[in-house]
């Protein structure tokens, strides 16, 4: 029985290693999400400007940045003097 127990050890060790490797891989793949509240205003504004310059829609920018409204997105873009080059509708603050 003792010999059978020692003979089974390598197999059990292999199973334990496999499961611990899986746990380690899972822990490494978990990333802590950055909440929208933890971002400073400057970082948020930079993200908004970068997203606009990279072609994202105002709606996508609004949802991703976590600001309260689309007009806030336009206010940030105006603050940093971003040239609006795609205006599919009325832009807040600009009257014709």
PDB file of N, CA and C in Angstrom:
ATOM      1  N   UNK A   1       0.828  -1.196   0.000  1.00  0.00           N
ATOM      2  CA  UNK A   1       0.000   0.000   0.000  1.00  0.00           C
ATOM      3  C   UNK A   1       0.873   1.261   0.000  1.00  0.00           C
ATOM      4  N   UNK A   2       1.954   1.217   0.759  1.00  0.00           N
ATOM      5  CA  UNK A   2       2.858   2.364   0.816  1.00  0.00           C
ATOM      6  C   UNK A   2       3.467   2.601  -0.559  1.00  0.00           C
ATOM      7  N   UNK A   3       3.877   1.523  -1.220  1.00  0.00           N
ATOM      8  CA  UNK A   3       4.453   1.664  -2.559  1.00  0.00           C
ATOM      9  C   UNK A   3       3.422   2.192  -3.556  1.00  0.00           C
ATOM     10  N   UNK A   4       2.197   1.745  -3.444  1.00  0.00           N
ATOM     11  CA  UNK A   4       1.125   2.233  -4.330  1.00  0.00           C
ATOM     12  C   UNK A   4       0.887   3.721  -4.098  1.00  0.00           C
ATOM     13  N   UNK A   5       0.957   4.129  -2.815  1.00  0.00           N
ATOM     14  CA  UNK A   5       0.777   5.545  -2.487  1.00  0.00           C
ATOM     15  C   UNK A   5       1.897   6.386  -3.105  1.00  0.00           C
ATOM     16  N   UNK A   6       3.132   5.949  -2.974  1.00  0.00           N
ATOM     17  CA  UNK A   6       4.256   6.674  -3.565  1.00  0.00           C
ATOM     18  C   UNK A   6       4.181   6.675  -5.091  1.00  0.00           C
ATOM     19  N   UNK A   7       3.677   5.598  -5.646  1.00  0.00           N
ATOM     20  CA  UNK A   7       3.523   5.514  -7.098  1.00  0.00           C
ATOM     21  C   UNK A   7       2.485   6.494  -7.618  1.00  0.00           C
ATOM     22  N   UNK A   8       1.458   6.787  -6.829  1.00  0.00           N
ATOM     23  CA  UNK A   8       0.392   7.701  -7.241  1.00  0.00           C
ATOM     24  C   UNK A   8       0.776   9.171  -7.052  1.00  0.00           C
ATOM     25  N   UNK A   9       1.814   9.450  -6.302  1.00  0.00           N
ATOM     26  CA  UNK A   9       2.209  10.842  -6.025  1.00  0.00           C
ATOM     27  C   UNK A   9       2.493  11.660  -7.285  1.00  0.00           C
ATOM     28  N   UNK A  10       3.280  11.183  -8.237  1.00  0.00           N
ATOM     29  CA  UNK A  10       3.559  12.006  -9.411  1.00  0.00           C
ATOM     30  C   UNK A  10       2.290  12.428 -10.153  1.00  0.00           C
ATOM     31  N   UNK A  11       1.321  11.535 -10.247  1.00  0.00           N
ATOM     32  CA  UNK A  11       0.069  11.864 -10.934  1.00  0.00           C
ATOM     33  C   UNK A  11      -0.692  12.944 -10.169  1.00  0.00           C
ATOM     34  N   UNK A  12      -0.757  12.819  -8.855  1.00  0.00           N
ATOM     35  CA  UNK A  12      -1.458  13.809  -8.043  1.00  0.00           C
ATOM     36  C   UNK A  12      -0.750  15.157  -8.076  1.00  0.00           C
ATOM     37  N   UNK A  13       0.576  15.128  -8.072  1.00  0.00           N
ATOM     38  CA  UNK A  13       1.347  16.373  -8.158  1.00  0.00           C
ATOM     39  C   UNK A  13       1.079  17.061  -9.483  1.00  0.00           C
ATOM     40  N   UNK A  14       1.014  16.297 -10.561  1.00  0.00           N
ATOM     41  CA  UNK A  14       0.739  16.868 -11.881  1.00  0.00           C
ATOM     42  C   UNK A  14      -0.636  17.544 -11.909  1.00  0.00           C
ATOM     43  N   UNK A  15      -1.633  16.903 -11.307  1.00  0.00           N
ATOM     44  CA  UNK A  15      -2.983  17.481 -11.248  1.00  0.00           C
ATOM     45  C   UNK A  15      -2.966  18.778 -10.448  1.00  0.00           C
ATOM     46  N   UNK A  16      -2.277  18.780  -9.319  1.00  0.00           N
ATOM     47  CA  UNK A  16      -2.196  19.993  -8.495  1.00  0.00           C
ATOM     48  C   UNK A  16      -1.486  21.123  -9.239  1.00  0.00           C
ATOM     49  N   UNK A  17      -0.409  20.808  -9.947  1.00  0.00           N
ATOM     50  CA  UNK A  17       0.315  21.831 -10.725  1.00  0.00           C
ATOM     51  C   UNK A  17      -0.568  22.425 -11.805  1.00  0.00           C
ATOM     52  N   UNK A  18      -1.327  21.551 -12.489  1.00  0.00           N
ATOM     53  CA  UNK A  18      -2.221  22.030 -13.537  1.00  0.00           C
ATOM     54  C   UNK A  18      -3.243  23.012 -12.976  1.00  0.00           C
ATOM     55  N   UNK A  19      -3.853  22.650 -11.862  1.00  0.00           N
ATOM     56  CA  UNK A  19      -4.880  23.517 -11.283  1.00  0.00           C
ATOM     57  C   UNK A  19      -4.276  24.816 -10.754  1.00  0.00           C
ATOM     58  N   UNK A  20      -3.087  24.758 -10.167  1.00  0.00           N
ATOM     59  CA  UNK A  20      -2.488  26.000  -9.672  1.00  0.00           C
ATOM     60  C   UNK A  20      -2.032  26.883 -10.834  1.00  0.00           C
ATOM     61  N   UNK A  21      -1.581  26.281 -11.940  1.00  0.00           N
ATOM     62  CA  UNK A  21      -1.234  27.070 -13.126  1.00  0.00           C
ATOM     63  C   UNK A  21      -2.455  27.790 -13.677  1.00  0.00           C
ATOM     64  N   UNK A  22      -3.583  27.088 -13.686  1.00  0.00           N
ATOM     65  CA  UNK A  22      -4.817  27.694 -14.181  1.00  0.00           C
ATOM     66  C   UNK A  22      -5.225  28.874 -13.307  1.00  0.00           C
ATOM     67  N   UNK A  23      -5.123  28.717 -12.012  1.00  0.00           N
ATOM     68  CA  UNK A  23      -5.475  29.797 -11.088  1.00  0.00           C
ATOM     69  C   UNK A  23      -4.546  30.997 -11.290  1.00  0.00           C
ATOM     70  N   UNK A  24      -3.266  30.740 -11.451  1.00  0.00           N
ATOM     71  CA  UNK A  24      -2.304  31.831 -11.666  1.00  0.00           C
ATOM     72  C   UNK A  24      -2.620  32.560 -12.962  1.00  0.00           C
ATOM     73  N   UNK A  25      -2.921  31.812 -14.042  1.00  0.00           N
ATOM     74  CA  UNK A  25      -3.260  32.453 -15.319  1.00  0.00           C
ATOM     75  C   UNK A  25      -4.525  33.300 -15.195  1.00  0.00           C
ATOM     76  N   UNK A  26      -5.514  32.793 -14.479  1.00  0.00           N
ATOM     77  CA  UNK A  26      -6.741  33.557 -14.275  1.00  0.00           C
ATOM     78  C   UNK A  26      -6.474  34.837 -13.491  1.00  0.00           C
ATOM     79  N   UNK A  27      -5.648  34.743 -12.460  1.00  0.00           N
ATOM     80  CA  UNK A  27      -5.332  35.924 -11.657  1.00  0.00           C
ATOM     81  C   UNK A  27      -4.578  36.960 -12.480  1.00  0.00           C
ATOM     82  N   UNK A  28      -3.704  36.516 -13.375  1.00  0.00           N
ATOM     83  CA  UNK A  28      -2.950  37.450 -14.200  1.00  0.00           C
ATOM     84  C   UNK A  28      -3.833  38.108 -15.246  1.00  0.00           C
ATOM     85  N   UNK A  29      -4.864  37.409 -15.702  1.00  0.00           N
ATOM     86  CA  UNK A  29      -5.722  37.971 -16.744  1.00  0.00           C
ATOM     87  C   UNK A  29      -6.752  38.951 -16.197  1.00  0.00           C
ATOM     88  N   UNK A  30      -6.940  38.959 -14.892  1.00  0.00           N
ATOM     89  CA  UNK A  30      -7.899  39.885 -14.291  1.00  0.00           C
ATOM     90  C   UNK A  30      -7.264  41.267 -14.224  1.00  0.00           C
ATOM     91  N   UNK A  31      -7.939  42.221 -14.830  1.00  0.00           N
ATOM     92  CA  UNK A  31      -7.451  43.589 -14.739  1.00  0.00           C
ATOM     93  C   UNK A  31      -8.454  44.405 -13.945  1.00  0.00           C
ATOM     94  N   UNK A  32      -7.965  45.266 -13.143  1.00  0.00           N
ATOM     95  CA  UNK A  32      -8.830  46.102 -12.322  1.00  0.00           C
ATOM     96  C   UNK A  32      -9.341  47.240 -13.203  1.00  0.00           C
ATOM     97  N   UNK A  33     -10.653  47.321 -13.391  1.00  0.00           N
ATOM     98  CA  UNK A  33     -11.182  48.371 -14.251  1.00  0.00           C
ATOM     99  C   UNK A  33     -11.003  49.740 -13.601  1.00  0.00           C
ATOM    100  N   UNK A  34     -10.638  50.703 -14.426  1.00  0.00           N
ATOM    101  CA  UNK A  34     -10.501  52.072 -13.934  1.00  0.00           C
ATOM    102  C   UNK A  34     -11.884  52.693 -13.972  1.00  0.00           C
ATOM    103  N   UNK A  35     -12.364  53.068 -12.821  1.00  0.00           N
ATOM    104  CA  UNK A  35     -13.687  53.665 -12.797  1.00  0.00           C
ATOM    105  C   UNK A  35     -13.616  55.079 -13.352  1.00  0.00           C
ATOM    106  N   UNK A  36     -14.728  55.499 -13.912  1.00  0.00           N
ATOM    107  CA  UNK A  36     -14.775  56.824 -14.519  1.00  0.00           C
ATOM    108  C   UNK A  36     -14.604  57.918 -13.467  1.00  0.00           C
ATOM    109  N   UNK A  37     -14.979  57.601 -12.230  1.00  0.00           N
ATOM    110  CA  UNK A  37     -14.855  58.579 -11.152  1.00  0.00           C
ATOM    111  C   UNK A  37     -13.403  58.761 -10.711  1.00  0.00           C
ATOM    112  N   UNK A  38     -12.565  57.743 -10.911  1.00  0.00           N
ATOM    113  CA  UNK A  38     -11.185  57.838 -10.453  1.00  0.00           C
ATOM    114  C   UNK A  38     -10.309  58.639 -11.413  1.00  0.00           C
ATOM    115  N   UNK A  39     -10.843  58.949 -12.581  1.00  0.00           N
ATOM    116  CA  UNK A  39     -10.093  59.711 -13.567  1.00  0.00           C
ATOM    117  C   UNK A  39     -10.186  61.201 -13.219  1.00  0.00           C
ATOM    118  N   UNK A  40      -9.070  61.913 -13.291  1.00  0.00           N
ATOM    119  CA  UNK A  40      -9.117  63.344 -13.018  1.00  0.00           C
ATOM    120  C   UNK A  40      -9.782  64.058 -14.192  1.00  0.00           C
ATOM    121  N   UNK A  41     -10.218  65.287 -13.964  1.00  0.00           N
ATOM    122  CA  UNK A  41     -10.866  66.050 -15.029  1.00  0.00           C
ATOM    123  C   UNK A  41      -9.937  66.233 -16.217  1.00  0.00           C
ATOM    124  N   UNK A  42      -8.667  66.489 -15.933  1.00  0.00           N
ATOM    125  CA  UNK A  42      -7.704  66.691 -17.012  1.00  0.00           C
ATOM    126  C   UNK A  42      -7.558  65.424 -17.845  1.00  0.00           C
ATOM    127  N   UNK A  43      -7.465  64.275 -17.175  1.00  0.00           N
ATOM    128  CA  UNK A  43      -7.367  62.998 -17.897  1.00  0.00           C
ATOM    129  C   UNK A  43      -8.628  62.743 -18.706  1.00  0.00           C
ATOM    130  N   UNK A  44      -9.783  63.022 -18.098  1.00  0.00           N
ATOM    131  CA  UNK A  44     -11.057  62.832 -18.788  1.00  0.00           C
ATOM    132  C   UNK A  44     -11.132  63.723 -20.023  1.00  0.00           C
ATOM    133  N   UNK A  45     -10.739  64.993 -19.866  1.00  0.00           N
ATOM    134  CA  UNK A  45     -10.769  65.932 -20.987  1.00  0.00           C
ATOM    135  C   UNK A  45      -9.839  65.474 -22.104  1.00  0.00           C
ATOM    136  N   UNK A  46      -8.655  65.005 -21.726  1.00  0.00           N
ATOM    137  CA  UNK A  46      -7.692  64.534 -22.728  1.00  0.00           C
ATOM    138  C   UNK A  46      -8.265  63.335 -23.479  1.00  0.00           C
ATOM    139  N   UNK A  47      -8.932  62.456 -22.749  1.00  0.00           N
ATOM    140  CA  UNK A  47      -9.541  61.280 -23.370  1.00  0.00           C
ATOM    141  C   UNK A  47     -10.625  61.702 -24.360  1.00  0.00           C
ATOM    142  N   UNK A  48     -11.428  62.687 -23.983  1.00  0.00           N
ATOM    143  CA  UNK A  48     -12.490  63.179 -24.852  1.00  0.00           C
ATOM    144  C   UNK A  48     -11.898  63.757 -26.137  1.00  0.00           C
ATOM    145  N   UNK A  49     -10.874  64.601 -25.996  1.00  0.00           N
ATOM    146  CA  UNK A  49     -10.240  65.216 -27.162  1.00  0.00           C
ATOM    147  C   UNK A  49      -9.601  64.149 -28.051  1.00  0.00           C
ATOM    148  N   UNK A  50      -8.896  63.205 -27.443  1.00  0.00           N
ATOM    149  CA  UNK A  50      -8.249  62.132 -28.213  1.00  0.00           C
ATOM    150  C   UNK A  50      -9.279  61.290 -28.957  1.00  0.00           C
ATOM    151  N   UNK A  51     -10.367  60.957 -28.292  1.00  0.00           N
ATOM    152  CA  UNK A  51     -11.395  60.139 -28.939  1.00  0.00           C
ATOM    153  C   UNK A  51     -12.008  60.883 -30.118  1.00  0.00           C
ATOM    154  N   UNK A  52     -12.264  62.184 -29.950  1.00  0.00           N
ATOM    155  CA  UNK A  52     -12.844  62.969 -31.048  1.00  0.00           C
ATOM    156  C   UNK A  52     -11.868  63.025 -32.220  1.00  0.00           C
ATOM    157  N   UNK A  53     -10.605  63.277 -31.922  1.00  0.00           N
ATOM    158  CA  UNK A  53      -9.600  63.359 -32.985  1.00  0.00           C
ATOM    159  C   UNK A  53      -9.385  62.022 -33.689  1.00  0.00           C
ATOM    160  N   UNK A  54      -9.710  60.913 -33.005  1.00  0.00           N
ATOM    161  CA  UNK A  54      -9.557  59.589 -33.605  1.00  0.00           C
ATOM    162  C   UNK A  54     -10.835  59.094 -34.272  1.00  0.00           C
ATOM    163  N   UNK A  55     -11.827  59.971 -34.397  1.00  0.00           N
ATOM    164  CA  UNK A  55     -13.015  59.647 -35.184  1.00  0.00           C
ATOM    165  C   UNK A  55     -14.185  59.028 -34.449  1.00  0.00           C
ATOM    166  N   UNK A  56     -14.158  58.962 -33.132  1.00  0.00           N
ATOM    167  CA  UNK A  56     -15.289  58.413 -32.392  1.00  0.00           C
ATOM    168  C   UNK A  56     -16.466  59.374 -32.464  1.00  0.00           C
ATOM    169  N   UNK A  57     -17.670  58.825 -32.417  1.00  0.00           N
ATOM    170  CA  UNK A  57     -18.864  59.669 -32.440  1.00  0.00           C
ATOM    171  C   UNK A  57     -19.035  60.354 -31.088  1.00  0.00           C
ATOM    172  N   UNK A  58     -19.768  61.440 -31.090  1.00  0.00           N
ATOM    173  CA  UNK A  58     -20.033  62.183 -29.850  1.00  0.00           C
ATOM    174  C   UNK A  58     -20.761  61.272 -28.863  1.00  0.00           C
ATOM    175  N   UNK A  59     -21.669  60.469 -29.368  1.00  0.00           N
ATOM    176  CA  UNK A  59     -22.418  59.551 -28.499  1.00  0.00           C
ATOM    177  C   UNK A  59     -21.472  58.547 -27.824  1.00  0.00           C
ATOM    178  N   UNK A  60     -20.530  57.980 -28.594  1.00  0.00           N
ATOM    179  CA  UNK A  60     -19.573  57.031 -28.022  1.00  0.00           C
ATOM    180  C   UNK A  60     -18.671  57.711 -26.991  1.00  0.00           C
ATOM    181  N   UNK A  61     -18.227  58.918 -27.314  1.00  0.00           N
ATOM    182  CA  UNK A  61     -17.374  59.677 -26.387  1.00  0.00           C
ATOM    183  C   UNK A  61     -18.131  59.952 -25.098  1.00  0.00           C
ATOM    184  N   UNK A  62     -19.368  60.362 -25.231  1.00  0.00           N
ATOM    185  CA  UNK A  62     -20.203  60.691 -24.073  1.00  0.00           C
ATOM    186  C   UNK A  62     -20.346  59.472 -23.162  1.00  0.00           C
ATOM    187  N   UNK A  63     -20.643  58.322 -23.747  1.00  0.00           N
ATOM    188  CA  UNK A  63     -20.849  57.123 -22.930  1.00  0.00           C
ATOM    189  C   UNK A  63     -19.550  56.641 -22.302  1.00  0.00           C
ATOM    190  N   UNK A  64     -18.456  56.687 -23.059  1.00  0.00           N
ATOM    191  CA  UNK A  64     -17.172  56.177 -22.566  1.00  0.00           C
ATOM    192  C   UNK A  64     -16.553  57.078 -21.507  1.00  0.00           C
ATOM    193  N   UNK A  65     -16.703  58.390 -21.645  1.00  0.00           N
ATOM    194  CA  UNK A  65     -16.045  59.318 -20.728  1.00  0.00           C
ATOM    195  C   UNK A  65     -16.773  59.460 -19.392  1.00  0.00           C
ATOM    196  N   UNK A  66     -18.065  59.151 -19.376  1.00  0.00           N
ATOM    197  CA  UNK A  66     -18.806  59.221 -18.126  1.00  0.00           C
ATOM    198  C   UNK A  66     -19.305  60.609 -17.764  1.00  0.00           C
ATOM    199  N   UNK A  67     -19.262  61.545 -18.699  1.00  0.00           N
ATOM    200  CA  UNK A  67     -19.799  62.881 -18.422  1.00  0.00           C
ATOM    201  C   UNK A  67     -21.316  62.817 -18.437  1.00  0.00           C
ATOM    202  N   UNK A  68     -21.965  63.853 -17.903  1.00  0.00           N
ATOM    203  CA  UNK A  68     -23.404  63.828 -17.716  1.00  0.00           C
ATOM    204  C   UNK A  68     -24.212  63.975 -19.005  1.00  0.00           C
ATOM    205  N   UNK A  69     -23.665  64.690 -19.984  1.00  0.00           N
ATOM    206  CA  UNK A  69     -24.439  64.926 -21.199  1.00  0.00           C
ATOM    207  C   UNK A  69     -23.527  65.145 -22.393  1.00  0.00           C
ATOM    208  N   UNK A  70     -24.144  65.110 -23.584  1.00  0.00           N
ATOM    209  CA  UNK A  70     -23.383  65.360 -24.800  1.00  0.00           C
ATOM    210  C   UNK A  70     -22.881  66.801 -24.833  1.00  0.00           C
ATOM    211  N   UNK A  71     -23.657  67.722 -24.257  1.00  0.00           N
ATOM    212  CA  UNK A  71     -23.228  69.119 -24.263  1.00  0.00           C
ATOM    213  C   UNK A  71     -21.948  69.311 -23.467  1.00  0.00           C
ATOM    214  N   UNK A  72     -21.721  68.460 -22.462  1.00  0.00           N
ATOM    215  CA  UNK A  72     -20.467  68.508 -21.714  1.00  0.00           C
ATOM    216  C   UNK A  72     -19.305  68.114 -22.614  1.00  0.00           C
ATOM    217  N   UNK A  73     -19.527  67.128 -23.480  1.00  0.00           N
ATOM    218  CA  UNK A  73     -18.493  66.725 -24.441  1.00  0.00           C
ATOM    219  C   UNK A  73     -18.154  67.916 -25.338  1.00  0.00           C
ATOM    220  N   UNK A  74     -19.191  68.587 -25.853  1.00  0.00           N
ATOM    221  CA  UNK A  74     -18.952  69.755 -26.704  1.00  0.00           C
ATOM    222  C   UNK A  74     -18.247  70.872 -25.937  1.00  0.00           C
ATOM    223  N   UNK A  75     -18.592  71.043 -24.660  1.00  0.00           N
ATOM    224  CA  UNK A  75     -17.937  72.073 -23.846  1.00  0.00           C
ATOM    225  C   UNK A  75     -16.447  71.783 -23.688  1.00  0.00           C
ATOM    226  N   UNK A  76     -16.107  70.528 -23.461  1.00  0.00           N
ATOM    227  CA  UNK A  76     -14.695  70.148 -23.322  1.00  0.00           C
ATOM    228  C   UNK A  76     -13.965  70.388 -24.635  1.00  0.00           C
ATOM    229  N   UNK A  77     -14.584  69.993 -25.740  1.00  0.00           N
ATOM    230  CA  UNK A  77     -13.956  70.198 -27.054  1.00  0.00           C
ATOM    231  C   UNK A  77     -13.757  71.683 -27.324  1.00  0.00           C
ATOM    232  N   UNK A  78     -14.733  72.483 -26.948  1.00  0.00           N
ATOM    233  CA  UNK A  78     -14.630  73.931 -27.120  1.00  0.00           C
ATOM    234  C   UNK A  78     -13.539  74.509 -26.220  1.00  0.00           C
ATOM    235  N   UNK A  79     -13.440  74.009 -24.994  1.00  0.00           N
ATOM    236  CA  UNK A  79     -12.436  74.478 -24.036  1.00  0.00           C
ATOM    237  C   UNK A  79     -11.024  74.304 -24.586  1.00  0.00           C
ATOM    238  N   UNK A  80     -10.792  73.188 -25.265  1.00  0.00           N
ATOM    239  CA  UNK A  80      -9.472  72.907 -25.821  1.00  0.00           C
ATOM    240  C   UNK A  80      -9.358  73.331 -27.289  1.00  0.00           C
ATOM    241  N   UNK A  81     -10.334  74.122 -27.741  1.00  0.00           N
ATOM    242  CA  UNK A  81     -10.330  74.700 -29.086  1.00  0.00           C
ATOM    243  C   UNK A  81     -10.155  73.656 -30.181  1.00  0.00           C
ATOM    244  N   UNK A  82     -10.883  72.550 -30.027  1.00  0.00           N
ATOM    245  CA  UNK A  82     -10.858  71.496 -31.037  1.00  0.00           C
ATOM    246  C   UNK A  82     -11.769  71.927 -32.179  1.00  0.00           C
ATOM    247  N   UNK A  83     -11.246  71.866 -33.400  1.00  0.00           N
ATOM    248  CA  UNK A  83     -12.022  72.219 -34.578  1.00  0.00           C
ATOM    249  C   UNK A  83     -13.023  71.100 -34.849  1.00  0.00           C
ATOM    250  N   UNK A  84     -14.313  71.427 -34.766  1.00  0.00           N
ATOM    251  CA  UNK A  84     -15.351  70.427 -35.016  1.00  0.00           C
ATOM    252  C   UNK A  84     -15.484  70.242 -36.518  1.00  0.00           C
ATOM    253  N   UNK A  85     -15.209  69.035 -36.995  1.00  0.00           N
ATOM    254  CA  UNK A  85     -15.221  68.800 -38.421  1.00  0.00           C
ATOM    255  C   UNK A  85     -16.338  67.865 -38.873  1.00  0.00           C
ATOM    256  N   UNK A  86     -17.130  67.401 -37.959  1.00  0.00           N
ATOM    257  CA  UNK A  86     -18.265  66.562 -38.329  1.00  0.00           C
ATOM    258  C   UNK A  86     -19.421  66.872 -37.389  1.00  0.00           C
ATOM    259  N   UNK A  87     -20.334  67.640 -37.863  1.00  0.00           N
ATOM    260  CA  UNK A  87     -21.468  68.075 -37.048  1.00  0.00           C
ATOM    261  C   UNK A  87     -22.751  67.548 -37.669  1.00  0.00           C
ATOM    262  N   UNK A  88     -23.203  66.353 -37.285  1.00  0.00           N
ATOM    263  CA  UNK A  88     -24.392  65.755 -37.876  1.00  0.00           C
ATOM    264  C   UNK A  88     -25.700  66.407 -37.424  1.00  0.00           C
ATOM    265  N   UNK A  89     -25.627  67.392 -36.571  1.00  0.00           N
ATOM    266  CA  UNK A  89     -26.828  68.054 -36.082  1.00  0.00           C
ATOM    267  C   UNK A  89     -26.441  69.392 -35.485  1.00  0.00           C
ATOM    268  N   UNK A  90     -27.331  69.896 -34.686  1.00  0.00           N
ATOM    269  CA  UNK A  90     -27.071  71.183 -34.048  1.00  0.00           C
ATOM    270  C   UNK A  90     -25.992  71.008 -32.989  1.00  0.00           C
ATOM    271  N   UNK A  91     -25.002  71.871 -33.026  1.00  0.00           N
ATOM    272  CA  UNK A  91     -23.930  71.845 -32.041  1.00  0.00           C
ATOM    273  C   UNK A  91     -24.259  72.871 -30.966  1.00  0.00           C
ATOM    274  N   UNK A  92     -24.299  72.462 -29.700  1.00  0.00           N
ATOM    275  CA  UNK A  92     -24.631  73.407 -28.635  1.00  0.00           C
ATOM    276  C   UNK A  92     -23.663  74.603 -28.630  1.00  0.00           C
ATOM    277  N   UNK A  93     -24.244  75.782 -28.458  1.00  0.00           N
ATOM    278  CA  UNK A  93     -23.424  76.983 -28.362  1.00  0.00           C
ATOM    279  C   UNK A  93     -23.180  77.673 -29.697  1.00  0.00           C
ATOM    280  N   UNK A  94     -23.538  77.028 -30.782  1.00  0.00           N
ATOM    281  CA  UNK A  94     -23.344  77.627 -32.109  1.00  0.00           C
ATOM    282  C   UNK A  94     -24.709  77.857 -32.722  1.00  0.00           C
ATOM    283  N   UNK A  95     -24.983  79.104 -33.032  1.00  0.00           N
ATOM    284  CA  UNK A  95     -26.293  79.446 -33.633  1.00  0.00           C
ATOM    285  C   UNK A  95     -26.071  79.929 -35.046  1.00  0.00           C
ATOM    286  N   UNK A  96     -26.996  79.570 -35.895  1.00  0.00           N
ATOM    287  CA  UNK A  96     -26.896  79.987 -37.306  1.00  0.00           C
ATOM    288  C   UNK A  96     -27.759  81.183 -37.565  1.00  0.00           C
TER     289      UNK A  96
END
